[in-house]
């Protein structure tokens, strides 16, 4: 194999790796956005009820008529389709740990959009998650 051919193959593998990680990250981000959207939707329902939902038909009806709940579910569907494309390119053992980044995204989004408060220890945990993902990302998507 010539040096030019080897360089071309290496460049294609690098581009494919970027695409794979990109698909994984977009899917995880969409899943996290879906969670925050679902939480915002259910907050509207519980605020209207004055508290937690009961496990009954009336509560299900309120959930089913909340637009943000449907938007959240639609975003989850997009995330799932992107995840399938990512899995077609990578081993599950490589891709799935990236799902932990959803925790990081959700905590940040919960603070920004839901006015939630998190404990300082949560930030330590998130730093460990990010560190672990950075280690995993150094490996090959195909093992």
N, C-alpha and C. Protein backbone atom coordinates (compact mmCIF):
# COMPACT_ATOMS: atom_id res chain seq x y z
N UNK A 1 0.85 -1.17 0.00
CA UNK A 1 0.00 0.00 0.00
C UNK A 1 0.90 1.23 0.00
N UNK A 2 0.54 2.18 -0.82
CA UNK A 2 1.34 3.40 -0.91
C UNK A 2 1.04 4.29 0.29
N UNK A 3 1.96 5.22 0.53
CA UNK A 3 1.78 6.17 1.63
C UNK A 3 0.54 7.02 1.41
N UNK A 4 0.26 7.36 0.15
CA UNK A 4 -0.91 8.18 -0.16
C UNK A 4 -2.20 7.42 0.15
N UNK A 5 -2.26 6.15 -0.22
CA UNK A 5 -3.44 5.33 0.03
C UNK A 5 -3.64 5.14 1.53
N UNK A 6 -2.56 4.89 2.25
CA UNK A 6 -2.65 4.72 3.70
C UNK A 6 -3.13 6.00 4.37
N UNK A 7 -2.64 7.14 3.91
CA UNK A 7 -3.06 8.42 4.47
C UNK A 7 -4.53 8.68 4.20
N UNK A 8 -5.00 8.27 3.01
CA UNK A 8 -6.41 8.46 2.66
C UNK A 8 -7.30 7.60 3.56
N UNK A 9 -6.91 6.37 3.78
CA UNK A 9 -7.68 5.47 4.65
C UNK A 9 -7.71 6.02 6.07
N UNK A 10 -6.57 6.49 6.54
CA UNK A 10 -6.50 7.05 7.89
C UNK A 10 -7.40 8.29 8.01
N UNK A 11 -7.42 9.12 6.99
CA UNK A 11 -8.25 10.32 7.01
C UNK A 11 -9.74 9.94 6.99
N UNK A 12 -10.11 8.92 6.21
CA UNK A 12 -11.50 8.47 6.18
C UNK A 12 -11.93 7.91 7.53
N UNK A 13 -11.03 7.15 8.18
CA UNK A 13 -11.34 6.59 9.49
C UNK A 13 -11.53 7.71 10.52
N UNK A 14 -10.71 8.74 10.43
CA UNK A 14 -10.81 9.88 11.35
C UNK A 14 -12.14 10.60 11.15
N UNK A 15 -12.55 10.81 9.90
CA UNK A 15 -13.83 11.45 9.60
C UNK A 15 -15.00 10.60 10.07
N UNK A 16 -14.90 9.29 9.88
CA UNK A 16 -15.95 8.38 10.32
C UNK A 16 -16.05 8.39 11.84
N UNK A 17 -14.91 8.44 12.52
CA UNK A 17 -14.89 8.49 13.99
C UNK A 17 -15.57 9.76 14.48
N UNK A 18 -15.27 10.89 13.84
CA UNK A 18 -15.90 12.17 14.22
C UNK A 18 -17.40 12.10 14.00
N UNK A 19 -17.81 11.54 12.87
CA UNK A 19 -19.24 11.41 12.57
C UNK A 19 -19.92 10.53 13.61
N UNK A 20 -19.30 9.43 13.98
CA UNK A 20 -19.87 8.52 14.97
C UNK A 20 -20.03 9.22 16.31
N UNK A 21 -18.99 9.85 16.78
CA UNK A 21 -19.06 10.55 18.06
C UNK A 21 -20.07 11.70 17.97
N UNK A 22 -20.11 12.38 16.84
CA UNK A 22 -21.09 13.45 16.65
C UNK A 22 -22.51 12.95 16.75
N UNK A 23 -22.81 11.83 16.09
CA UNK A 23 -24.15 11.25 16.17
C UNK A 23 -24.50 10.87 17.61
N UNK A 24 -23.55 10.29 18.31
CA UNK A 24 -23.78 9.90 19.70
C UNK A 24 -24.09 11.14 20.54
N UNK A 25 -23.27 12.18 20.39
CA UNK A 25 -23.45 13.38 21.20
C UNK A 25 -24.76 14.10 20.89
N UNK A 26 -25.13 14.15 19.63
CA UNK A 26 -26.41 14.80 19.27
C UNK A 26 -27.58 13.99 19.83
N UNK A 27 -27.50 12.68 19.72
CA UNK A 27 -28.57 11.83 20.26
C UNK A 27 -28.71 12.01 21.76
N UNK A 28 -27.60 11.99 22.47
CA UNK A 28 -27.62 12.17 23.93
C UNK A 28 -28.16 13.55 24.30
N UNK A 29 -27.74 14.56 23.55
CA UNK A 29 -28.22 15.92 23.82
C UNK A 29 -29.73 16.01 23.60
N UNK A 30 -30.23 15.42 22.52
CA UNK A 30 -31.66 15.44 22.28
C UNK A 30 -32.42 14.69 23.39
N UNK A 31 -31.88 13.58 23.85
CA UNK A 31 -32.53 12.83 24.94
C UNK A 31 -32.60 13.68 26.20
N UNK A 32 -31.53 14.41 26.49
CA UNK A 32 -31.52 15.28 27.68
C UNK A 32 -32.53 16.42 27.52
N UNK A 33 -32.57 17.01 26.33
CA UNK A 33 -33.54 18.08 26.07
C UNK A 33 -34.96 17.53 26.23
N UNK A 34 -35.17 16.31 25.77
CA UNK A 34 -36.50 15.69 25.91
C UNK A 34 -36.87 15.56 27.38
N UNK A 35 -35.92 15.14 28.22
CA UNK A 35 -36.20 15.00 29.66
C UNK A 35 -36.59 16.34 30.28
N UNK A 36 -35.86 17.38 29.95
CA UNK A 36 -36.15 18.71 30.50
C UNK A 36 -37.51 19.20 30.00
N UNK A 37 -37.81 18.93 28.75
CA UNK A 37 -39.10 19.33 28.19
C UNK A 37 -40.24 18.57 28.87
N UNK A 38 -40.05 17.27 29.09
CA UNK A 38 -41.07 16.48 29.79
C UNK A 38 -41.28 17.00 31.21
N UNK A 39 -40.19 17.33 31.89
CA UNK A 39 -40.30 17.86 33.25
C UNK A 39 -41.04 19.19 33.25
N UNK A 40 -40.74 20.07 32.30
CA UNK A 40 -41.46 21.34 32.21
C UNK A 40 -42.94 21.09 31.95
N UNK A 41 -43.25 20.15 31.09
CA UNK A 41 -44.64 19.83 30.80
C UNK A 41 -45.38 19.29 32.00
N UNK A 42 -44.74 18.38 32.72
CA UNK A 42 -45.40 17.80 33.89
C UNK A 42 -45.51 18.83 35.01
N UNK A 43 -44.57 19.79 35.07
CA UNK A 43 -44.68 20.87 36.05
C UNK A 43 -45.94 21.70 35.81
N UNK A 44 -46.25 21.92 34.53
CA UNK A 44 -47.48 22.66 34.21
C UNK A 44 -48.71 21.91 34.72
N UNK A 45 -48.69 20.60 34.54
CA UNK A 45 -49.82 19.79 34.98
C UNK A 45 -49.92 19.79 36.51
N UNK A 46 -48.81 19.57 37.18
CA UNK A 46 -48.86 19.51 38.65
C UNK A 46 -49.15 20.87 39.26
N UNK A 47 -48.66 21.94 38.64
CA UNK A 47 -48.98 23.28 39.14
C UNK A 47 -50.48 23.53 39.06
N UNK A 48 -51.10 23.06 37.99
CA UNK A 48 -52.54 23.24 37.83
C UNK A 48 -53.32 22.41 38.85
N UNK A 49 -52.72 21.29 39.29
CA UNK A 49 -53.36 20.40 40.27
C UNK A 49 -53.02 20.75 41.70
N UNK A 50 -52.02 21.58 41.89
CA UNK A 50 -51.60 21.91 43.25
C UNK A 50 -50.73 20.85 43.89
N UNK A 51 -50.10 20.01 43.12
CA UNK A 51 -49.23 18.99 43.70
C UNK A 51 -48.98 17.83 42.78
N UNK A 52 -48.65 16.69 43.36
CA UNK A 52 -48.34 15.50 42.59
C UNK A 52 -49.57 14.94 41.90
N UNK A 53 -49.32 14.19 40.86
CA UNK A 53 -50.41 13.56 40.12
C UNK A 53 -50.86 12.28 40.81
N UNK A 54 -52.12 12.01 40.71
CA UNK A 54 -52.65 10.73 41.16
C UNK A 54 -52.56 9.76 39.99
N UNK A 55 -52.50 8.50 40.31
CA UNK A 55 -52.46 7.48 39.25
C UNK A 55 -53.89 7.14 38.85
N UNK A 56 -54.50 8.03 38.07
CA UNK A 56 -55.87 7.79 37.65
C UNK A 56 -56.09 8.36 36.25
N UNK A 57 -57.27 8.12 35.73
CA UNK A 57 -57.60 8.54 34.37
C UNK A 57 -57.57 10.04 34.19
N UNK A 58 -57.98 10.80 35.20
CA UNK A 58 -57.99 12.26 35.09
C UNK A 58 -56.56 12.79 34.92
N UNK A 59 -55.64 12.25 35.69
CA UNK A 59 -54.25 12.68 35.57
C UNK A 59 -53.68 12.32 34.20
N UNK A 60 -54.00 11.13 33.72
CA UNK A 60 -53.53 10.72 32.39
C UNK A 60 -54.08 11.64 31.31
N UNK A 61 -55.33 12.06 31.47
CA UNK A 61 -55.93 12.99 30.51
C UNK A 61 -55.20 14.33 30.54
N UNK A 62 -54.86 14.81 31.74
CA UNK A 62 -54.13 16.07 31.85
C UNK A 62 -52.75 15.97 31.21
N UNK A 63 -52.09 14.85 31.42
CA UNK A 63 -50.77 14.63 30.80
C UNK A 63 -50.91 14.59 29.28
N UNK A 64 -51.91 13.87 28.80
CA UNK A 64 -52.09 13.68 27.36
C UNK A 64 -52.45 14.98 26.64
N UNK A 65 -52.95 15.95 27.36
CA UNK A 65 -53.32 17.21 26.73
C UNK A 65 -52.26 18.30 26.91
N UNK A 66 -51.16 17.97 27.54
CA UNK A 66 -50.08 18.94 27.75
C UNK A 66 -49.13 18.93 26.55
N UNK A 67 -49.05 20.03 25.85
CA UNK A 67 -48.25 20.12 24.62
C UNK A 67 -46.78 19.81 24.88
N UNK A 68 -46.23 20.34 25.98
CA UNK A 68 -44.81 20.11 26.24
C UNK A 68 -44.49 18.63 26.44
N UNK A 69 -45.42 17.87 26.95
CA UNK A 69 -45.21 16.42 27.09
C UNK A 69 -45.07 15.80 25.70
N UNK A 70 -45.93 16.18 24.77
CA UNK A 70 -45.86 15.65 23.40
C UNK A 70 -44.58 16.10 22.69
N UNK A 71 -44.19 17.36 22.93
CA UNK A 71 -42.94 17.85 22.34
C UNK A 71 -41.76 17.03 22.88
N UNK A 72 -41.75 16.79 24.19
CA UNK A 72 -40.69 15.99 24.79
C UNK A 72 -40.62 14.58 24.21
N UNK A 73 -41.79 13.97 24.02
CA UNK A 73 -41.82 12.63 23.44
C UNK A 73 -41.33 12.63 21.99
N UNK A 74 -41.68 13.67 21.25
CA UNK A 74 -41.21 13.78 19.86
C UNK A 74 -39.69 13.95 19.81
N UNK A 75 -39.16 14.74 20.72
CA UNK A 75 -37.70 14.91 20.76
C UNK A 75 -37.03 13.59 21.12
N UNK A 76 -37.64 12.82 22.03
CA UNK A 76 -37.11 11.48 22.34
C UNK A 76 -37.09 10.60 21.10
N UNK A 77 -38.12 10.69 20.29
CA UNK A 77 -38.18 9.88 19.07
C UNK A 77 -37.04 10.23 18.13
N UNK A 78 -36.77 11.51 17.97
CA UNK A 78 -35.64 11.95 17.13
C UNK A 78 -34.33 11.43 17.71
N UNK A 79 -34.21 11.53 19.02
CA UNK A 79 -33.01 11.03 19.69
C UNK A 79 -32.82 9.53 19.43
N UNK A 80 -33.90 8.79 19.49
CA UNK A 80 -33.82 7.34 19.28
C UNK A 80 -33.37 7.00 17.87
N UNK A 81 -33.88 7.71 16.89
CA UNK A 81 -33.48 7.46 15.50
C UNK A 81 -32.00 7.78 15.32
N UNK A 82 -31.55 8.90 15.86
CA UNK A 82 -30.12 9.25 15.78
C UNK A 82 -29.27 8.20 16.49
N UNK A 83 -29.77 7.70 17.61
CA UNK A 83 -29.05 6.67 18.37
C UNK A 83 -28.89 5.41 17.52
N UNK A 84 -29.92 5.05 16.78
CA UNK A 84 -29.82 3.88 15.91
C UNK A 84 -28.74 4.05 14.86
N UNK A 85 -28.66 5.26 14.27
CA UNK A 85 -27.60 5.53 13.30
C UNK A 85 -26.23 5.44 13.97
N UNK A 86 -26.14 5.96 15.18
CA UNK A 86 -24.86 5.89 15.91
C UNK A 86 -24.47 4.44 16.18
N UNK A 87 -25.46 3.64 16.60
CA UNK A 87 -25.17 2.23 16.91
C UNK A 87 -24.79 1.44 15.67
N UNK A 88 -25.22 1.90 14.50
CA UNK A 88 -24.83 1.20 13.27
C UNK A 88 -23.35 1.43 12.97
N UNK A 89 -22.75 2.42 13.61
CA UNK A 89 -21.35 2.77 13.35
C UNK A 89 -20.41 2.39 14.50
N UNK A 90 -20.96 2.09 15.68
CA UNK A 90 -20.09 1.89 16.85
C UNK A 90 -20.57 0.71 17.68
N UNK A 91 -19.65 0.13 18.41
CA UNK A 91 -19.99 -0.89 19.39
C UNK A 91 -20.81 -0.25 20.51
N UNK A 92 -21.74 -0.99 21.05
CA UNK A 92 -22.54 -0.50 22.16
C UNK A 92 -21.66 -0.17 23.37
N UNK A 93 -20.62 -0.96 23.57
CA UNK A 93 -19.72 -0.73 24.70
C UNK A 93 -18.96 0.59 24.57
N UNK A 94 -18.82 1.10 23.36
CA UNK A 94 -18.21 2.42 23.14
C UNK A 94 -19.27 3.51 23.26
N UNK A 95 -20.42 3.31 22.62
CA UNK A 95 -21.43 4.36 22.53
C UNK A 95 -22.18 4.61 23.84
N UNK A 96 -22.56 3.55 24.53
CA UNK A 96 -23.46 3.71 25.66
C UNK A 96 -22.91 4.55 26.80
N UNK A 97 -21.65 4.46 27.14
CA UNK A 97 -21.15 5.33 28.22
C UNK A 97 -21.35 6.82 27.95
N UNK A 98 -21.42 7.21 26.69
CA UNK A 98 -21.67 8.62 26.37
C UNK A 98 -23.05 9.07 26.86
N UNK A 99 -23.96 8.12 27.06
CA UNK A 99 -25.28 8.46 27.57
C UNK A 99 -25.18 9.14 28.94
N UNK A 100 -24.11 8.87 29.66
CA UNK A 100 -23.91 9.51 30.97
C UNK A 100 -23.78 11.03 30.84
N UNK A 101 -23.39 11.51 29.66
CA UNK A 101 -23.33 12.95 29.46
C UNK A 101 -24.72 13.58 29.56
N UNK A 102 -25.74 12.77 29.37
CA UNK A 102 -27.10 13.25 29.55
C UNK A 102 -27.31 13.79 30.96
N UNK A 103 -26.69 13.14 31.95
CA UNK A 103 -26.80 13.63 33.33
C UNK A 103 -26.24 15.03 33.46
N UNK A 104 -25.11 15.25 32.85
CA UNK A 104 -24.46 16.56 32.91
C UNK A 104 -25.34 17.62 32.24
N UNK A 105 -25.83 17.30 31.06
CA UNK A 105 -26.67 18.24 30.32
C UNK A 105 -27.95 18.53 31.10
N UNK A 106 -28.54 17.50 31.67
CA UNK A 106 -29.79 17.66 32.41
C UNK A 106 -29.59 18.52 33.65
N UNK A 107 -28.51 18.31 34.37
CA UNK A 107 -28.27 19.14 35.56
C UNK A 107 -28.12 20.61 35.18
N UNK A 108 -27.32 20.87 34.15
CA UNK A 108 -27.13 22.26 33.72
C UNK A 108 -28.44 22.87 33.23
N UNK A 109 -29.18 22.13 32.42
CA UNK A 109 -30.46 22.62 31.91
C UNK A 109 -31.48 22.80 33.04
N UNK A 110 -31.45 21.93 34.03
CA UNK A 110 -32.37 22.05 35.15
C UNK A 110 -32.12 23.33 35.95
N UNK A 111 -30.86 23.68 36.07
CA UNK A 111 -30.51 24.92 36.76
C UNK A 111 -30.96 26.12 35.93
N UNK A 112 -30.67 26.08 34.64
CA UNK A 112 -30.95 27.22 33.76
C UNK A 112 -32.43 27.41 33.47
N UNK A 113 -33.15 26.32 33.23
CA UNK A 113 -34.52 26.43 32.73
C UNK A 113 -35.60 26.05 33.73
N UNK A 114 -35.24 25.26 34.74
CA UNK A 114 -36.24 24.82 35.72
C UNK A 114 -36.00 25.42 37.10
N UNK A 115 -34.97 26.25 37.20
CA UNK A 115 -34.62 26.92 38.47
C UNK A 115 -34.39 25.93 39.61
N UNK A 116 -33.81 24.78 39.27
CA UNK A 116 -33.49 23.80 40.31
C UNK A 116 -32.14 24.12 40.95
N UNK A 117 -31.98 23.67 42.16
CA UNK A 117 -30.72 23.84 42.89
C UNK A 117 -30.06 22.46 43.00
N UNK A 118 -28.74 22.42 42.80
CA UNK A 118 -28.03 21.15 42.94
C UNK A 118 -26.96 21.29 44.04
N UNK A 119 -26.67 20.20 44.66
CA UNK A 119 -25.68 20.16 45.73
C UNK A 119 -24.27 20.28 45.14
N UNK A 120 -23.34 20.85 45.90
CA UNK A 120 -21.96 20.95 45.40
C UNK A 120 -21.35 19.60 45.01
N UNK A 121 -21.71 18.55 45.71
CA UNK A 121 -21.16 17.23 45.39
C UNK A 121 -21.59 16.78 43.99
N UNK A 122 -22.71 17.30 43.53
CA UNK A 122 -23.18 16.99 42.18
C UNK A 122 -22.17 17.43 41.14
N UNK A 123 -21.56 18.60 41.36
CA UNK A 123 -20.56 19.10 40.42
C UNK A 123 -19.34 18.19 40.38
N UNK A 124 -18.97 17.62 41.52
CA UNK A 124 -17.85 16.67 41.56
C UNK A 124 -18.20 15.43 40.75
N UNK A 125 -19.41 14.94 40.95
CA UNK A 125 -19.86 13.77 40.19
C UNK A 125 -19.88 14.03 38.70
N UNK A 126 -20.34 15.21 38.31
CA UNK A 126 -20.37 15.54 36.89
C UNK A 126 -18.96 15.63 36.32
N UNK A 127 -18.01 16.16 37.08
CA UNK A 127 -16.63 16.23 36.61
C UNK A 127 -16.08 14.82 36.40
N UNK A 128 -16.41 13.90 37.28
CA UNK A 128 -15.97 12.51 37.12
C UNK A 128 -16.60 11.87 35.88
N UNK A 129 -17.86 12.16 35.64
CA UNK A 129 -18.52 11.63 34.44
C UNK A 129 -17.81 12.14 33.18
N UNK A 130 -17.57 13.43 33.13
CA UNK A 130 -16.91 14.01 31.95
C UNK A 130 -15.51 13.41 31.78
N UNK A 131 -14.78 13.25 32.87
CA UNK A 131 -13.46 12.64 32.79
C UNK A 131 -13.52 11.21 32.25
N UNK A 132 -14.49 10.45 32.71
CA UNK A 132 -14.66 9.08 32.22
C UNK A 132 -15.01 9.04 30.74
N UNK A 133 -15.87 9.92 30.31
CA UNK A 133 -16.25 9.97 28.89
C UNK A 133 -15.04 10.34 28.04
N UNK A 134 -14.24 11.29 28.51
CA UNK A 134 -13.04 11.67 27.75
C UNK A 134 -12.09 10.48 27.60
N UNK A 135 -11.98 9.65 28.63
CA UNK A 135 -11.15 8.45 28.53
C UNK A 135 -11.72 7.47 27.51
N UNK A 136 -13.01 7.24 27.58
CA UNK A 136 -13.66 6.30 26.67
C UNK A 136 -13.55 6.78 25.23
N UNK A 137 -13.66 8.09 25.03
CA UNK A 137 -13.62 8.65 23.67
C UNK A 137 -12.25 8.44 23.01
N UNK A 138 -11.23 8.13 23.79
CA UNK A 138 -9.90 7.89 23.22
C UNK A 138 -9.82 6.55 22.51
N UNK A 139 -10.76 5.65 22.82
CA UNK A 139 -10.76 4.33 22.20
C UNK A 139 -11.39 4.34 20.83
N UNK A 140 -11.42 3.19 20.23
CA UNK A 140 -12.00 3.02 18.90
C UNK A 140 -13.48 2.71 19.02
N UNK A 141 -14.32 3.32 18.18
CA UNK A 141 -15.76 3.02 18.22
C UNK A 141 -16.05 1.53 17.93
N UNK A 142 -15.17 0.88 17.19
CA UNK A 142 -15.40 -0.53 16.85
C UNK A 142 -14.64 -1.49 17.75
N UNK A 143 -14.11 -0.98 18.84
CA UNK A 143 -13.46 -1.85 19.82
C UNK A 143 -12.02 -2.12 19.60
